[in-house]
Amino acid sequence: MPKIKTHKGAAARFRVTGGGKIMRMYGNRNNFRRKKRKPVRVKFGRTVPVSASESRTIRGLIQQ
């Protein structure tokens, strides 16, 4: 039986905390940052937890 490979696209987008939560960044961060409001730009720098319904799928992709 071969080893299961990590999905590198998912591994680059999600991080697992010490407590086991899967964190993600907000989308739409690349273009037109000057136009966006200051609170929106600040929000882009933070991570937020992934929803419970998607966390099982993502955990399987990143093998954690």
N, C-alpha and C. Protein backbone atom coordinates (compact mmCIF):
# COMPACT_ATOMS: atom_id res chain seq x y z
N MET A 1 0.84 -1.18 0.00
CA MET A 1 0.00 0.00 0.00
C MET A 1 0.89 1.25 0.00
N PRO A 2 0.74 2.14 -0.99
CA PRO A 2 1.60 3.32 -1.04
C PRO A 2 1.20 4.35 0.03
N LYS A 3 2.13 5.22 0.32
CA LYS A 3 1.85 6.29 1.27
C LYS A 3 0.82 7.26 0.68
N ILE A 4 0.06 7.91 1.54
CA ILE A 4 -0.90 8.92 1.11
C ILE A 4 -0.18 10.25 1.04
N LYS A 5 -0.26 10.91 -0.09
CA LYS A 5 0.45 12.17 -0.27
C LYS A 5 -0.38 13.33 0.26
N THR A 6 0.33 14.33 0.78
CA THR A 6 -0.31 15.56 1.23
C THR A 6 -0.72 16.38 0.03
N HIS A 7 -1.91 16.96 0.07
CA HIS A 7 -2.37 17.86 -0.99
C HIS A 7 -1.69 19.21 -0.76
N LYS A 8 -0.72 19.54 -1.59
CA LYS A 8 0.12 20.71 -1.36
C LYS A 8 -0.64 22.02 -1.49
N GLY A 9 -1.67 22.07 -2.34
CA GLY A 9 -2.48 23.27 -2.43
C GLY A 9 -3.22 23.54 -1.14
N ALA A 10 -3.75 22.50 -0.53
CA ALA A 10 -4.45 22.66 0.75
C ALA A 10 -3.47 22.95 1.87
N ALA A 11 -2.29 22.34 1.83
CA ALA A 11 -1.30 22.55 2.89
C ALA A 11 -0.79 23.99 2.89
N ALA A 12 -0.78 24.64 1.73
CA ALA A 12 -0.33 26.03 1.67
C ALA A 12 -1.42 26.99 2.15
N ARG A 13 -2.68 26.59 2.08
CA ARG A 13 -3.77 27.50 2.41
C ARG A 13 -4.28 27.36 3.83
N PHE A 14 -4.02 26.24 4.49
CA PHE A 14 -4.58 26.00 5.81
C PHE A 14 -3.46 25.64 6.78
N ARG A 15 -3.66 26.04 8.06
CA ARG A 15 -2.72 25.72 9.12
C ARG A 15 -3.48 25.08 10.27
N VAL A 16 -2.84 24.17 10.97
CA VAL A 16 -3.44 23.53 12.13
C VAL A 16 -2.82 24.13 13.38
N THR A 17 -3.65 24.59 14.31
CA THR A 17 -3.16 25.18 15.54
C THR A 17 -2.74 24.08 16.51
N GLY A 18 -2.16 24.49 17.61
CA GLY A 18 -1.76 23.53 18.63
C GLY A 18 -2.94 22.79 19.23
N GLY A 19 -4.09 23.46 19.28
CA GLY A 19 -5.29 22.84 19.82
C GLY A 19 -6.04 21.99 18.82
N GLY A 20 -5.58 21.96 17.57
CA GLY A 20 -6.20 21.12 16.56
C GLY A 20 -7.17 21.82 15.63
N LYS A 21 -7.38 23.14 15.82
CA LYS A 21 -8.29 23.86 14.92
C LYS A 21 -7.58 24.12 13.60
N ILE A 22 -8.36 24.14 12.52
CA ILE A 22 -7.82 24.45 11.20
C ILE A 22 -8.15 25.90 10.90
N MET A 23 -7.12 26.68 10.58
CA MET A 23 -7.29 28.10 10.34
C MET A 23 -7.05 28.39 8.87
N ARG A 24 -7.73 29.43 8.37
CA ARG A 24 -7.60 29.85 6.98
C ARG A 24 -7.48 31.37 6.95
N MET A 25 -7.03 31.89 5.80
CA MET A 25 -6.99 33.33 5.59
C MET A 25 -8.23 33.73 4.80
N TYR A 26 -8.55 35.02 4.81
CA TYR A 26 -9.63 35.53 3.99
C TYR A 26 -9.21 35.55 2.53
N GLY A 27 -10.18 35.49 1.63
CA GLY A 27 -9.91 35.58 0.21
C GLY A 27 -9.95 37.02 -0.28
N ASN A 28 -9.77 37.21 -1.57
CA ASN A 28 -9.83 38.51 -2.24
C ASN A 28 -8.82 39.51 -1.67
N ARG A 29 -7.61 39.05 -1.40
CA ARG A 29 -6.61 39.91 -0.78
C ARG A 29 -5.66 40.53 -1.77
N ASN A 30 -5.69 40.15 -3.02
CA ASN A 30 -4.62 40.52 -3.93
C ASN A 30 -4.83 41.83 -4.66
N ASN A 31 -6.00 42.07 -5.20
CA ASN A 31 -6.18 43.21 -6.09
C ASN A 31 -6.99 44.32 -5.43
N PHE A 32 -6.68 45.56 -5.84
CA PHE A 32 -7.45 46.74 -5.45
C PHE A 32 -7.48 46.93 -3.95
N ARG A 33 -6.35 46.78 -3.32
CA ARG A 33 -6.29 46.96 -1.87
C ARG A 33 -6.46 48.42 -1.48
N ARG A 34 -6.05 49.35 -2.33
CA ARG A 34 -6.13 50.78 -2.00
C ARG A 34 -7.57 51.23 -1.84
N LYS A 35 -8.47 50.64 -2.61
CA LYS A 35 -9.86 51.06 -2.59
C LYS A 35 -10.61 50.56 -1.36
N LYS A 36 -10.13 49.50 -0.78
CA LYS A 36 -10.89 48.87 0.29
C LYS A 36 -10.81 49.69 1.58
N ARG A 37 -11.82 49.58 2.40
CA ARG A 37 -11.87 50.30 3.66
C ARG A 37 -10.80 49.75 4.61
N LYS A 38 -10.38 50.58 5.53
CA LYS A 38 -9.32 50.19 6.47
C LYS A 38 -9.69 48.96 7.29
N PRO A 39 -10.91 48.84 7.84
CA PRO A 39 -11.23 47.63 8.60
C PRO A 39 -11.16 46.36 7.76
N VAL A 40 -11.50 46.49 6.49
CA VAL A 40 -11.45 45.32 5.60
C VAL A 40 -10.01 44.91 5.37
N ARG A 41 -9.13 45.89 5.18
CA ARG A 41 -7.71 45.57 4.96
C ARG A 41 -7.08 44.97 6.20
N VAL A 42 -7.49 45.43 7.37
CA VAL A 42 -6.97 44.85 8.62
C VAL A 42 -7.44 43.40 8.76
N LYS A 43 -8.68 43.16 8.38
CA LYS A 43 -9.25 41.81 8.47
C LYS A 43 -8.48 40.82 7.61
N PHE A 44 -7.95 41.28 6.48
CA PHE A 44 -7.23 40.38 5.58
C PHE A 44 -5.96 39.82 6.20
N GLY A 45 -5.42 40.48 7.20
CA GLY A 45 -4.19 40.00 7.83
C GLY A 45 -4.40 38.94 8.88
N ARG A 46 -5.65 38.66 9.22
CA ARG A 46 -5.94 37.72 10.30
C ARG A 46 -6.36 36.36 9.74
N THR A 47 -6.27 35.37 10.60
CA THR A 47 -6.76 34.04 10.24
C THR A 47 -8.06 33.78 10.98
N VAL A 48 -8.91 32.98 10.37
CA VAL A 48 -10.20 32.62 10.97
C VAL A 48 -10.34 31.10 10.92
N PRO A 49 -11.06 30.52 11.86
CA PRO A 49 -11.23 29.06 11.82
C PRO A 49 -12.12 28.63 10.68
N VAL A 50 -11.84 27.45 10.17
CA VAL A 50 -12.64 26.84 9.10
C VAL A 50 -13.93 26.32 9.71
N SER A 51 -15.00 26.34 8.95
CA SER A 51 -16.28 25.83 9.45
C SER A 51 -16.17 24.34 9.76
N ALA A 52 -16.99 23.91 10.69
CA ALA A 52 -16.94 22.52 11.15
C ALA A 52 -17.28 21.54 10.04
N SER A 53 -18.15 21.95 9.11
CA SER A 53 -18.55 21.04 8.04
C SER A 53 -17.42 20.78 7.04
N GLU A 54 -16.50 21.74 6.90
CA GLU A 54 -15.40 21.57 5.96
C GLU A 54 -14.11 21.07 6.61
N SER A 55 -14.03 21.13 7.92
CA SER A 55 -12.77 20.82 8.59
C SER A 55 -12.37 19.36 8.41
N ARG A 56 -13.33 18.45 8.36
CA ARG A 56 -12.99 17.03 8.20
C ARG A 56 -12.38 16.77 6.82
N THR A 57 -12.93 17.39 5.79
CA THR A 57 -12.39 17.24 4.44
C THR A 57 -10.99 17.79 4.35
N ILE A 58 -10.78 18.97 4.90
CA ILE A 58 -9.47 19.61 4.83
C ILE A 58 -8.45 18.84 5.64
N ARG A 59 -8.86 18.32 6.79
CA ARG A 59 -7.94 17.52 7.61
C ARG A 59 -7.47 16.29 6.85
N GLY A 60 -8.34 15.70 6.05
CA GLY A 60 -7.95 14.55 5.24
C GLY A 60 -6.97 14.92 4.14
N LEU A 61 -7.09 16.14 3.61
CA LEU A 61 -6.18 16.56 2.55
C LEU A 61 -4.79 16.88 3.07
N ILE A 62 -4.72 17.48 4.26
CA ILE A 62 -3.40 17.88 4.76
C ILE A 62 -2.80 16.84 5.70
N GLN A 63 -3.52 15.77 5.97
CA GLN A 63 -2.98 14.64 6.73
C GLN A 63 -2.50 15.03 8.12
N GLN A 64 -3.30 15.79 8.84
CA GLN A 64 -2.92 16.17 10.20
C GLN A 64 -3.93 15.61 11.17
